[in-house]
Amino acid sequence: MGTNRLQLLDIAKGITILLMVLGHTSIPSVLSNFIWAFHMPLFFIASGWTTNWQKTDFIGFTKRKIETLIVPFLVYSLVVLLIHILQGWGDFNHWILNGWEAYALWFIPVLFVSSLFAKLIYSIKNRYLILGCAFMFATISGILSFYKIQLPWSVSSVPFATALIVVGSELKRCSTWIEDSKLWHILILFFVTAGISHFWRLDLCFNLILPFLPLAIGAIAGTLMIFMVSSWINKHLKYVSIMLQKVGNETYLIVAFSQIIIMLLNEYFSLNVFLKYSLLLLTLVALKYIKDGVNKLAKANIL
């Protein structure tokens, strides 16, 4: 994959993580439903897009995912969990049994497990069988959603997330079209996503994905829309591009701490929206430098 395509995905992740933060505020439901239509699916699709399935065997792939996903997840989870316990918002036993539930860190274990399933799928050499497996996983997710089967640690979301990762890997074939997209392409995808989200809300955390076909179309359309917007920004807005790439490179940190920071600010201060989110930004920047310092001292990327 070329440098421009990696930059495109970093910009897309930067845009989407900012939308995720916005989507968890008290904005009108028509806006939050639009954001929720694609904001978490985009990260699964981007993961599939950027993964080279043939680079390592399954054992090596798993070790790498443990290093990059699970180790930071455990560290961040313990920090956030300690805050929850001290504030009286939760307890360790509940976390062990149920996971993070609606808290954004639910995403990481689901990404880990679904990535392993996707790796197994891509051990198959026949592309039609790969697509068939993705369809099977999507069907399983629909059945779980239909019967309202909610498993701990958002495990119910793993099948749909796995299918989205495969979709992302297959979308690499459209990368040139995305990079060469026109305004009217973006507008069509926008109206498709907005129209679907007006009638139905996607909540991937709890695998609320029915009716399946329109919500899947909305998730893919919204993701492609953000990819195309990102490509345009990368070509025409240099400094905005650089800023969003930096944000996109810190999505894990933002996922881990943005909600708990806002919760603490709401608990102890009465702030207007501008001041609250300015403090959120400053705190996240400080945490980024702390993270970088810890990694430097450890001589490894443990966070």
C-alpha atoms as a PDB file:
ATOM      1  CA  MET A   1       0.000   0.000   0.000  1.00  0.00           C
ATOM      2  CA  GLY A   2       1.313   3.447  -0.896  1.00  0.00           C
ATOM      3  CA  THR A   3       2.100   6.196   1.595  1.00  0.00           C
ATOM      4  CA  ASN A   4      -0.871   8.257   0.408  1.00  0.00           C
ATOM      5  CA  ARG A   5      -3.238   5.405   1.220  1.00  0.00           C
ATOM      6  CA  LEU A   6      -1.814   5.029   4.725  1.00  0.00           C
ATOM      7  CA  GLN A   7      -2.185   8.775   5.226  1.00  0.00           C
ATOM      8  CA  LEU A   8      -5.749   8.558   3.941  1.00  0.00           C
ATOM      9  CA  LEU A   9      -6.610   5.931   6.556  1.00  0.00           C
ATOM     10  CA  ASP A  10      -4.931   7.882   9.359  1.00  0.00           C
ATOM     11  CA  ILE A  11      -6.947  10.966   8.384  1.00  0.00           C
ATOM     12  CA  ALA A  12     -10.120   8.865   8.230  1.00  0.00           C
ATOM     13  CA  LYS A  13      -9.446   7.476  11.702  1.00  0.00           C
ATOM     14  CA  GLY A  14      -8.755  10.996  12.970  1.00  0.00           C
ATOM     15  CA  ILE A  15     -12.048  12.293  11.597  1.00  0.00           C
ATOM     16  CA  THR A  16     -13.972   9.316  12.900  1.00  0.00           C
ATOM     17  CA  ILE A  17     -12.537   9.337  16.420  1.00  0.00           C
ATOM     18  CA  LEU A  18     -13.482  13.012  16.703  1.00  0.00           C
ATOM     19  CA  LEU A  19     -16.965  12.124  15.476  1.00  0.00           C
ATOM     20  CA  MET A  20     -17.078   9.323  18.056  1.00  0.00           C
ATOM     21  CA  VAL A  21     -16.424  11.810  20.853  1.00  0.00           C
ATOM     22  CA  LEU A  22     -19.077  14.126  19.390  1.00  0.00           C
ATOM     23  CA  GLY A  23     -21.514  11.248  18.986  1.00  0.00           C
ATOM     24  CA  HIS A  24     -21.385  10.527  22.723  1.00  0.00           C
ATOM     25  CA  THR A  25     -22.466  14.053  23.628  1.00  0.00           C
ATOM     26  CA  SER A  26     -25.998  15.402  23.870  1.00  0.00           C
ATOM     27  CA  ILE A  27     -26.247  16.365  20.203  1.00  0.00           C
ATOM     28  CA  PRO A  28     -29.603  15.821  18.423  1.00  0.00           C
ATOM     29  CA  SER A  29     -30.378  12.170  17.734  1.00  0.00           C
ATOM     30  CA  VAL A  30     -30.490  12.750  13.974  1.00  0.00           C
ATOM     31  CA  LEU A  31     -26.780  13.678  14.114  1.00  0.00           C
ATOM     32  CA  SER A  32     -25.730  10.985  16.583  1.00  0.00           C
ATOM     33  CA  ASN A  33     -27.562   8.311  14.581  1.00  0.00           C
ATOM     34  CA  PHE A  34     -25.696   9.436  11.471  1.00  0.00           C
ATOM     35  CA  ILE A  35     -22.336   9.205  13.260  1.00  0.00           C
ATOM     36  CA  TRP A  36     -23.167   5.845  14.815  1.00  0.00           C
ATOM     37  CA  ALA A  37     -24.071   4.473  11.380  1.00  0.00           C
ATOM     38  CA  PHE A  38     -20.390   4.121  10.512  1.00  0.00           C
ATOM     39  CA  HIS A  39     -18.067   5.329  13.279  1.00  0.00           C
ATOM     40  CA  MET A  40     -17.229   1.923  14.790  1.00  0.00           C
ATOM     41  CA  PRO A  41     -17.567  -0.097  11.541  1.00  0.00           C
ATOM     42  CA  LEU A  42     -14.961   2.202   9.970  1.00  0.00           C
ATOM     43  CA  PHE A  43     -12.292   1.069  12.429  1.00  0.00           C
ATOM     44  CA  PHE A  44     -12.946  -2.614  11.684  1.00  0.00           C
ATOM     45  CA  ILE A  45     -12.960  -1.936   7.948  1.00  0.00           C
ATOM     46  CA  ALA A  46      -9.731   0.089   8.246  1.00  0.00           C
ATOM     47  CA  SER A  47      -8.131  -2.781  10.160  1.00  0.00           C
ATOM     48  CA  GLY A  48      -8.928  -5.182   7.332  1.00  0.00           C
ATOM     49  CA  TRP A  49      -7.683  -2.676   4.771  1.00  0.00           C
ATOM     50  CA  THR A  50      -4.271  -2.290   6.416  1.00  0.00           C
ATOM     51  CA  THR A  51      -3.616  -5.934   7.318  1.00  0.00           C
ATOM     52  CA  ASN A  52      -1.301  -8.099   5.240  1.00  0.00           C
ATOM     53  CA  TRP A  53      -2.770 -11.536   5.907  1.00  0.00           C
ATOM     54  CA  GLN A  54       0.138 -13.386   4.283  1.00  0.00           C
ATOM     55  CA  LYS A  55       2.914 -11.623   6.189  1.00  0.00           C
ATOM     56  CA  THR A  56       3.056 -14.052   9.125  1.00  0.00           C
ATOM     57  CA  ASP A  57       1.542 -17.346  10.202  1.00  0.00           C
ATOM     58  CA  PHE A  58      -1.327 -17.526  12.679  1.00  0.00           C
ATOM     59  CA  ILE A  59       0.950 -17.789  15.733  1.00  0.00           C
ATOM     60  CA  GLY A  60       3.040 -14.799  14.697  1.00  0.00           C
ATOM     61  CA  PHE A  61      -0.090 -12.822  13.850  1.00  0.00           C
ATOM     62  CA  THR A  62      -1.599 -13.591  17.257  1.00  0.00           C
ATOM     63  CA  LYS A  63       1.574 -12.579  19.106  1.00  0.00           C
ATOM     64  CA  ARG A  64       1.639  -9.282  17.226  1.00  0.00           C
ATOM     65  CA  LYS A  65      -2.008  -8.563  18.056  1.00  0.00           C
ATOM     66  CA  ILE A  66      -1.388  -9.341  21.725  1.00  0.00           C
ATOM     67  CA  GLU A  67       1.487  -6.845  21.737  1.00  0.00           C
ATOM     68  CA  THR A  68      -0.359  -4.073  19.916  1.00  0.00           C
ATOM     69  CA  LEU A  69      -3.895  -4.566  21.254  1.00  0.00           C
ATOM     70  CA  ILE A  70      -4.107  -6.637  24.414  1.00  0.00           C
ATOM     71  CA  VAL A  71      -1.103  -5.332  26.379  1.00  0.00           C
ATOM     72  CA  PRO A  72      -2.166  -1.659  26.070  1.00  0.00           C
ATOM     73  CA  PHE A  73      -5.783  -2.731  26.673  1.00  0.00           C
ATOM     74  CA  LEU A  74      -4.889  -4.299  30.016  1.00  0.00           C
ATOM     75  CA  VAL A  75      -2.865  -1.261  31.106  1.00  0.00           C
ATOM     76  CA  TYR A  76      -5.498   1.272  30.041  1.00  0.00           C
ATOM     77  CA  SER A  77      -8.311  -0.858  31.466  1.00  0.00           C
ATOM     78  CA  LEU A  78      -6.656  -1.079  34.865  1.00  0.00           C
ATOM     79  CA  VAL A  79      -6.203   2.704  34.974  1.00  0.00           C
ATOM     80  CA  VAL A  80      -9.802   3.395  33.967  1.00  0.00           C
ATOM     81  CA  LEU A  81     -11.124   0.625  36.213  1.00  0.00           C
ATOM     82  CA  LEU A  82      -9.253   2.063  39.198  1.00  0.00           C
ATOM     83  CA  ILE A  83     -10.905   5.426  38.577  1.00  0.00           C
ATOM     84  CA  HIS A  84     -14.302   3.734  38.318  1.00  0.00           C
ATOM     85  CA  ILE A  85     -13.764   1.901  41.610  1.00  0.00           C
ATOM     86  CA  LEU A  86     -12.534   5.013  43.442  1.00  0.00           C
ATOM     87  CA  GLN A  87     -15.547   6.956  42.141  1.00  0.00           C
ATOM     88  CA  GLY A  88     -17.967   4.189  43.062  1.00  0.00           C
ATOM     89  CA  TRP A  89     -19.067   3.757  39.444  1.00  0.00           C
ATOM     90  CA  GLY A  90     -18.248   0.057  39.150  1.00  0.00           C
ATOM     91  CA  ASP A  91     -16.316  -2.835  40.610  1.00  0.00           C
ATOM     92  CA  PHE A  92     -13.686  -5.319  39.478  1.00  0.00           C
ATOM     93  CA  ASN A  93     -15.923  -8.409  39.654  1.00  0.00           C
ATOM     94  CA  HIS A  94     -18.564  -6.796  37.451  1.00  0.00           C
ATOM     95  CA  TRP A  95     -15.868  -5.888  34.931  1.00  0.00           C
ATOM     96  CA  ILE A  96     -14.470  -9.424  34.860  1.00  0.00           C
ATOM     97  CA  LEU A  97     -17.911 -10.914  34.248  1.00  0.00           C
ATOM     98  CA  ASN A  98     -19.314  -8.344  31.841  1.00  0.00           C
ATOM     99  CA  GLY A  99     -16.469  -6.407  30.252  1.00  0.00           C
ATOM    100  CA  TRP A 100     -16.718  -2.701  29.433  1.00  0.00           C
ATOM    101  CA  GLU A 101     -20.308  -2.860  28.131  1.00  0.00           C
ATOM    102  CA  ALA A 102     -21.116   0.604  26.667  1.00  0.00           C
ATOM    103  CA  TYR A 103     -17.704   2.052  27.521  1.00  0.00           C
ATOM    104  CA  ALA A 104     -15.593   2.571  24.376  1.00  0.00           C
ATOM    105  CA  LEU A 105     -12.902   0.081  25.413  1.00  0.00           C
ATOM    106  CA  TRP A 106     -15.325  -2.732  24.486  1.00  0.00           C
ATOM    107  CA  PHE A 107     -13.982  -2.259  20.976  1.00  0.00           C
ATOM    108  CA  ILE A 108     -10.467  -3.593  21.637  1.00  0.00           C
ATOM    109  CA  PRO A 109     -11.181  -7.218  22.678  1.00  0.00           C
ATOM    110  CA  VAL A 110     -13.741  -7.467  19.876  1.00  0.00           C
ATOM    111  CA  LEU A 111     -11.158  -6.213  17.371  1.00  0.00           C
ATOM    112  CA  PHE A 112      -8.627  -8.718  18.715  1.00  0.00           C
ATOM    113  CA  VAL A 113     -10.900 -11.763  18.458  1.00  0.00           C
ATOM    114  CA  SER A 114     -12.432 -10.775  15.121  1.00  0.00           C
ATOM    115  CA  SER A 115      -8.943 -10.175  13.686  1.00  0.00           C
ATOM    116  CA  LEU A 116      -7.990 -13.742  14.623  1.00  0.00           C
ATOM    117  CA  PHE A 117     -11.115 -15.069  12.917  1.00  0.00           C
ATOM    118  CA  ALA A 118     -10.327 -12.973   9.840  1.00  0.00           C
ATOM    119  CA  LYS A 119      -6.778 -14.351   9.814  1.00  0.00           C
ATOM    120  CA  LEU A 120      -8.201 -17.882   9.788  1.00  0.00           C
ATOM    121  CA  ILE A 121     -10.562 -16.940   6.967  1.00  0.00           C
ATOM    122  CA  TYR A 122      -7.678 -15.579   4.908  1.00  0.00           C
ATOM    123  CA  SER A 123      -5.787 -18.828   5.321  1.00  0.00           C
ATOM    124  CA  ILE A 124      -8.251 -19.990   2.653  1.00  0.00           C
ATOM    125  CA  LYS A 125      -6.878 -19.358  -0.825  1.00  0.00           C
ATOM    126  CA  ASN A 126     -10.180 -19.276  -2.700  1.00  0.00           C
ATOM    127  CA  ARG A 127     -11.641 -15.747  -2.754  1.00  0.00           C
ATOM    128  CA  TYR A 128     -15.207 -17.003  -3.165  1.00  0.00           C
ATOM    129  CA  LEU A 129     -14.850 -19.169  -0.067  1.00  0.00           C
ATOM    130  CA  ILE A 130     -13.445 -16.155   1.795  1.00  0.00           C
ATOM    131  CA  LEU A 131     -16.497 -14.111   0.847  1.00  0.00           C
ATOM    132  CA  GLY A 132     -18.708 -17.055   1.760  1.00  0.00           C
ATOM    133  CA  CYS A 133     -17.150 -17.184   5.234  1.00  0.00           C
ATOM    134  CA  ALA A 134     -17.730 -13.459   5.645  1.00  0.00           C
ATOM    135  CA  PHE A 135     -21.374 -13.952   4.681  1.00  0.00           C
ATOM    136  CA  MET A 136     -21.634 -16.798   7.203  1.00  0.00           C
ATOM    137  CA  PHE A 137     -20.255 -14.586   9.981  1.00  0.00           C
ATOM    138  CA  ALA A 138     -22.655 -11.792   9.005  1.00  0.00           C
ATOM    139  CA  THR A 139     -25.537 -14.285   9.139  1.00  0.00           C
ATOM    140  CA  ILE A 140     -24.500 -15.437  12.614  1.00  0.00           C
ATOM    141  CA  SER A 141     -24.422 -11.836  13.795  1.00  0.00           C
ATOM    142  CA  GLY A 142     -27.908 -11.276  12.393  1.00  0.00           C
ATOM    143  CA  ILE A 143     -29.244 -14.365  14.187  1.00  0.00           C
ATOM    144  CA  LEU A 144     -27.712 -13.241  17.491  1.00  0.00           C
ATOM    145  CA  SER A 145     -29.236  -9.793  17.027  1.00  0.00           C
ATOM    146  CA  PHE A 146     -32.646 -11.165  16.044  1.00  0.00           C
ATOM    147  CA  TYR A 147     -32.861 -13.322  19.171  1.00  0.00           C
ATOM    148  CA  LYS A 148     -31.412 -10.499  21.321  1.00  0.00           C
ATOM    149  CA  ILE A 149     -28.538 -12.692  22.530  1.00  0.00           C
ATOM    150  CA  GLN A 150     -26.185 -10.401  24.461  1.00  0.00           C
ATOM    151  CA  LEU A 151     -22.958 -12.110  25.478  1.00  0.00           C
ATOM    152  CA  PRO A 152     -20.439 -10.653  27.985  1.00  0.00           C
ATOM    153  CA  TRP A 153     -17.547  -8.569  26.693  1.00  0.00           C
ATOM    154  CA  SER A 154     -19.566  -7.682  23.564  1.00  0.00           C
ATOM    155  CA  VAL A 155     -18.767 -11.106  22.129  1.00  0.00           C
ATOM    156  CA  SER A 156     -22.077 -10.967  20.236  1.00  0.00           C
ATOM    157  CA  SER A 157     -20.483  -8.272  18.055  1.00  0.00           C
ATOM    158  CA  VAL A 158     -17.526 -10.438  16.984  1.00  0.00           C
ATOM    159  CA  PRO A 159     -19.200 -12.101  13.957  1.00  0.00           C
ATOM    160  CA  PHE A 160     -20.297  -8.796  12.404  1.00  0.00           C
ATOM    161  CA  ALA A 161     -16.925  -7.220  13.198  1.00  0.00           C
ATOM    162  CA  THR A 162     -15.197 -10.158  11.484  1.00  0.00           C
ATOM    163  CA  ALA A 163     -17.317  -9.656   8.375  1.00  0.00           C
ATOM    164  CA  LEU A 164     -16.457  -5.936   8.380  1.00  0.00           C
ATOM    165  CA  ILE A 165     -12.726  -6.712   8.572  1.00  0.00           C
ATOM    166  CA  VAL A 166     -13.088  -8.937   5.495  1.00  0.00           C
ATOM    167  CA  VAL A 167     -15.037  -6.151   3.770  1.00  0.00           C
ATOM    168  CA  GLY A 168     -12.170  -3.776   4.547  1.00  0.00           C
ATOM    169  CA  SER A 169      -9.612  -6.162   3.102  1.00  0.00           C
ATOM    170  CA  GLU A 170     -11.669  -6.530  -0.074  1.00  0.00           C
ATOM    171  CA  LEU A 171     -12.193  -2.760  -0.370  1.00  0.00           C
ATOM    172  CA  LYS A 172      -8.477  -2.352  -1.007  1.00  0.00           C
ATOM    173  CA  ARG A 173      -9.363  -3.311  -4.571  1.00  0.00           C
ATOM    174  CA  CYS A 174     -11.306  -0.018  -4.775  1.00  0.00           C
ATOM    175  CA  SER A 175      -8.491   2.158  -3.439  1.00  0.00           C
ATOM    176  CA  THR A 176      -7.822   3.922  -6.742  1.00  0.00           C
ATOM    177  CA  TRP A 177     -11.501   4.725  -7.149  1.00  0.00           C
ATOM    178  CA  ILE A 178     -11.600   6.132  -3.608  1.00  0.00           C
ATOM    179  CA  GLU A 179      -8.541   8.304  -4.189  1.00  0.00           C
ATOM    180  CA  ASP A 180      -9.975   9.586  -7.493  1.00  0.00           C
ATOM    181  CA  SER A 181     -13.506  10.135  -6.160  1.00  0.00           C
ATOM    182  CA  LYS A 182     -15.565  13.196  -7.036  1.00  0.00           C
ATOM    183  CA  LEU A 183     -17.797  15.418  -4.922  1.00  0.00           C
ATOM    184  CA  TRP A 184     -20.906  13.751  -6.274  1.00  0.00           C
ATOM    185  CA  HIS A 185     -19.634  10.361  -5.056  1.00  0.00           C
ATOM    186  CA  ILE A 186     -19.293  11.781  -1.554  1.00  0.00           C
ATOM    187  CA  LEU A 187     -22.747  13.372  -1.691  1.00  0.00           C
ATOM    188  CA  ILE A 188     -24.414  10.145  -2.826  1.00  0.00           C
ATOM    189  CA  LEU A 189     -22.776   8.188   0.000  1.00  0.00           C
ATOM    190  CA  PHE A 190     -23.699  10.923   2.473  1.00  0.00           C
ATOM    191  CA  PHE A 191     -27.382  10.809   1.529  1.00  0.00           C
ATOM    192  CA  VAL A 192     -27.433   7.007   1.564  1.00  0.00           C
ATOM    193  CA  THR A 193     -25.958   6.947   5.070  1.00  0.00           C
ATOM    194  CA  ALA A 194     -28.130   9.805   6.315  1.00  0.00           C
ATOM    195  CA  GLY A 195     -31.280   8.224   4.867  1.00  0.00           C
ATOM    196  CA  ILE A 196     -30.632   4.854   6.477  1.00  0.00           C
ATOM    197  CA  SER A 197     -29.625   6.352   9.837  1.00  0.00           C
ATOM    198  CA  HIS A 198     -32.831   8.434   9.845  1.00  0.00           C
ATOM    199  CA  PHE A 199     -34.905   5.257  10.128  1.00  0.00           C
ATOM    200  CA  TRP A 200     -32.604   2.848  11.972  1.00  0.00           C
ATOM    201  CA  ARG A 201     -29.776   3.189  14.506  1.00  0.00           C
ATOM    202  CA  LEU A 202     -26.738   0.914  14.415  1.00  0.00           C
ATOM    203  CA  ASP A 203     -25.209   0.031  17.791  1.00  0.00           C
ATOM    204  CA  LEU A 204     -22.327  -2.325  17.161  1.00  0.00           C
ATOM    205  CA  CYS A 205     -21.372  -2.530  20.843  1.00  0.00           C
ATOM    206  CA  PHE A 206     -24.582  -4.439  21.610  1.00  0.00           C
ATOM    207  CA  ASN A 207     -24.844  -6.011  18.127  1.00  0.00           C
ATOM    208  CA  LEU A 208     -28.041  -4.077  17.368  1.00  0.00           C
ATOM    209  CA  ILE A 209     -27.673  -4.485  13.621  1.00  0.00           C
ATOM    210  CA  LEU A 210     -31.224  -5.136  12.412  1.00  0.00           C
ATOM    211  CA  PRO A 211     -32.573  -4.621   9.828  1.00  0.00           C
ATOM    212  CA  PHE A 212     -29.259  -6.036   8.677  1.00  0.00           C
ATOM    213  CA  LEU A 213     -29.069  -5.121   4.992  1.00  0.00           C
ATOM    214  CA  PRO A 214     -29.776  -1.373   5.243  1.00  0.00           C
ATOM    215  CA  LEU A 215     -27.570  -0.961   8.335  1.00  0.00           C
ATOM    216  CA  ALA A 216     -24.704  -2.862   6.659  1.00  0.00           C
ATOM    217  CA  ILE A 217     -25.096  -0.673   3.569  1.00  0.00           C
ATOM    218  CA  GLY A 218     -25.106   2.437   5.778  1.00  0.00           C
ATOM    219  CA  ALA A 219     -21.947   1.297   7.582  1.00  0.00           C
ATOM    220  CA  ILE A 220     -20.060   0.656   4.337  1.00  0.00           C
ATOM    221  CA  ALA A 221     -21.401   3.783   2.608  1.00  0.00           C
ATOM    222  CA  GLY A 222     -20.481   5.985   5.576  1.00  0.00           C
ATOM    223  CA  THR A 223     -17.008   4.474   5.734  1.00  0.00           C
ATOM    224  CA  LEU A 224     -16.391   5.035   2.027  1.00  0.00           C
ATOM    225  CA  MET A 225     -17.660   8.611   2.406  1.00  0.00           C
ATOM    226  CA  ILE A 226     -15.106   9.314   5.154  1.00  0.00           C
ATOM    227  CA  PHE A 227     -12.343   7.654   3.114  1.00  0.00           C
ATOM    228  CA  MET A 228     -13.166   9.907   0.166  1.00  0.00           C
ATOM    229  CA  VAL A 229     -13.316  13.040   2.321  1.00  0.00           C
ATOM    230  CA  SER A 230      -9.961  12.024   3.798  1.00  0.00           C
ATOM    231  CA  SER A 231      -8.462  11.628   0.344  1.00  0.00           C
ATOM    232  CA  TRP A 232      -9.639  15.127  -0.608  1.00  0.00           C
ATOM    233  CA  ILE A 233      -8.221  16.611   2.602  1.00  0.00           C
ATOM    234  CA  ASN A 234      -4.912  14.849   2.020  1.00  0.00           C
ATOM    235  CA  LYS A 235      -4.663  16.375  -1.449  1.00  0.00           C
ATOM    236  CA  HIS A 236      -5.858  19.914  -0.728  1.00  0.00           C
ATOM    237  CA  LEU A 237      -5.520  20.795   2.974  1.00  0.00           C
ATOM    238  CA  LYS A 238      -1.947  20.084   4.036  1.00  0.00           C
ATOM    239  CA  TYR A 239      -2.062  21.328   7.624  1.00  0.00           C
ATOM    240  CA  VAL A 240      -5.504  19.883   8.322  1.00  0.00           C
ATOM    241  CA  SER A 241      -4.212  16.610   6.900  1.00  0.00           C
ATOM    242  CA  ILE A 242      -1.204  16.606   9.238  1.00  0.00           C
ATOM    243  CA  MET A 243      -3.360  17.422  12.267  1.00  0.00           C
ATOM    244  CA  LEU A 244      -5.904  14.684  11.513  1.00  0.00           C
ATOM    245  CA  GLN A 245      -3.134  12.144  10.903  1.00  0.00           C
ATOM    246  CA  LYS A 246      -1.743  12.900  14.354  1.00  0.00           C
ATOM    247  CA  VAL A 247      -5.207  12.451  15.855  1.00  0.00           C
ATOM    248  CA  GLY A 248      -5.691   9.251  13.864  1.00  0.00           C
ATOM    249  CA  ASN A 249      -2.449   7.845  15.246  1.00  0.00           C
ATOM    250  CA  GLU A 250      -3.776   8.318  18.801  1.00  0.00           C
ATOM    251  CA  THR A 251      -7.187   6.689  18.406  1.00  0.00           C
ATOM    252  CA  TYR A 252      -6.388   4.023  21.024  1.00  0.00           C
ATOM    253  CA  LEU A 253      -5.617   6.671  23.641  1.00  0.00           C
ATOM    254  CA  ILE A 254      -8.772   8.625  22.802  1.00  0.00           C
ATOM    255  CA  VAL A 255     -10.916   5.481  22.909  1.00  0.00           C
ATOM    256  CA  ALA A 256      -9.483   4.603  26.315  1.00  0.00           C
ATOM    257  CA  PHE A 257      -9.671   7.933  28.093  1.00  0.00           C
ATOM    258  CA  SER A 258     -12.016  10.449  26.440  1.00  0.00           C
ATOM    259  CA  GLN A 259     -15.150   9.157  28.172  1.00  0.00           C
ATOM    260  CA  ILE A 260     -13.625   8.861  31.641  1.00  0.00           C
ATOM    261  CA  ILE A 261     -12.164  12.375  31.404  1.00  0.00           C
ATOM    262  CA  ILE A 262     -15.574  13.811  30.477  1.00  0.00           C
ATOM    263  CA  MET A 263     -17.204  11.831  33.299  1.00  0.00           C
ATOM    264  CA  LEU A 264     -14.723  13.238  35.825  1.00  0.00           C
ATOM    265  CA  LEU A 265     -15.175  16.785  34.531  1.00  0.00           C
ATOM    266  CA  ASN A 266     -18.946  16.418  34.800  1.00  0.00           C
ATOM    267  CA  GLU A 267     -18.602  15.007  38.305  1.00  0.00           C
ATOM    268  CA  TYR A 268     -16.452  17.758  39.778  1.00  0.00           C
ATOM    269  CA  PHE A 269     -17.007  20.859  37.663  1.00  0.00           C
ATOM    270  CA  SER A 270     -19.811  22.834  36.099  1.00  0.00           C
ATOM    271  CA  LEU A 271     -18.322  23.871  32.785  1.00  0.00           C
ATOM    272  CA  ASN A 272     -19.641  25.173  29.517  1.00  0.00           C
ATOM    273  CA  VAL A 273     -19.182  22.931  26.496  1.00  0.00           C
ATOM    274  CA  PHE A 274     -16.245  24.851  25.031  1.00  0.00           C
ATOM    275  CA  LEU A 275     -14.235  24.809  28.262  1.00  0.00           C
ATOM    276  CA  LYS A 276     -15.059  21.160  28.970  1.00  0.00           C
ATOM    277  CA  TYR A 277     -13.812  19.941  25.603  1.00  0.00           C
ATOM    278  CA  SER A 278     -10.815  22.246  25.704  1.00  0.00           C
ATOM    279  CA  LEU A 279      -9.813  20.560  28.969  1.00  0.00           C
ATOM    280  CA  LEU A 280     -10.457  17.173  27.379  1.00  0.00           C
ATOM    281  CA  LEU A 281      -8.087  18.076  24.534  1.00  0.00           C
ATOM    282  CA  LEU A 282      -5.366  19.322  26.883  1.00  0.00           C
ATOM    283  CA  THR A 283      -5.653  16.227  29.067  1.00  0.00           C
ATOM    284  CA  LEU A 284      -5.409  13.900  26.067  1.00  0.00           C
ATOM    285  CA  VAL A 285      -2.336  15.755  24.800  1.00  0.00           C
ATOM    286  CA  ALA A 286      -0.727  15.387  28.239  1.00  0.00           C
ATOM    287  CA  LEU A 287      -1.572  11.669  28.285  1.00  0.00           C
ATOM    288  CA  LYS A 288      -0.040  11.280  24.817  1.00  0.00           C
ATOM    289  CA  TYR A 289       3.284  12.654  26.085  1.00  0.00           C
ATOM    290  CA  ILE A 290       3.080  10.483  29.199  1.00  0.00           C
ATOM    291  CA  LYS A 291       2.463   7.450  26.973  1.00  0.00           C
ATOM    292  CA  ASP A 292       5.407   8.325  24.750  1.00  0.00           C
ATOM    293  CA  GLY A 293       7.618   8.805  27.820  1.00  0.00           C
ATOM    294  CA  VAL A 294       6.651   5.440  29.273  1.00  0.00           C
ATOM    295  CA  ASN A 295       7.313   3.709  25.950  1.00  0.00           C
ATOM    296  CA  LYS A 296      10.704   5.416  25.716  1.00  0.00           C
ATOM    297  CA  LEU A 297      11.684   4.341  29.227  1.00  0.00           C
ATOM    298  CA  ALA A 298      10.485   0.801  28.583  1.00  0.00           C
ATOM    299  CA  LYS A 299      12.271   0.793  25.201  1.00  0.00           C
ATOM    300  CA  ALA A 300       9.125  -0.837  23.792  1.00  0.00           C
ATOM    301  CA  ASN A 301       5.653   0.211  22.701  1.00  0.00           C
ATOM    302  CA  ILE A 302       3.778  -1.121  25.711  1.00  0.00           C
ATOM    303  CA  LEU A 303       1.150   1.642  25.556  1.00  0.00           C
END
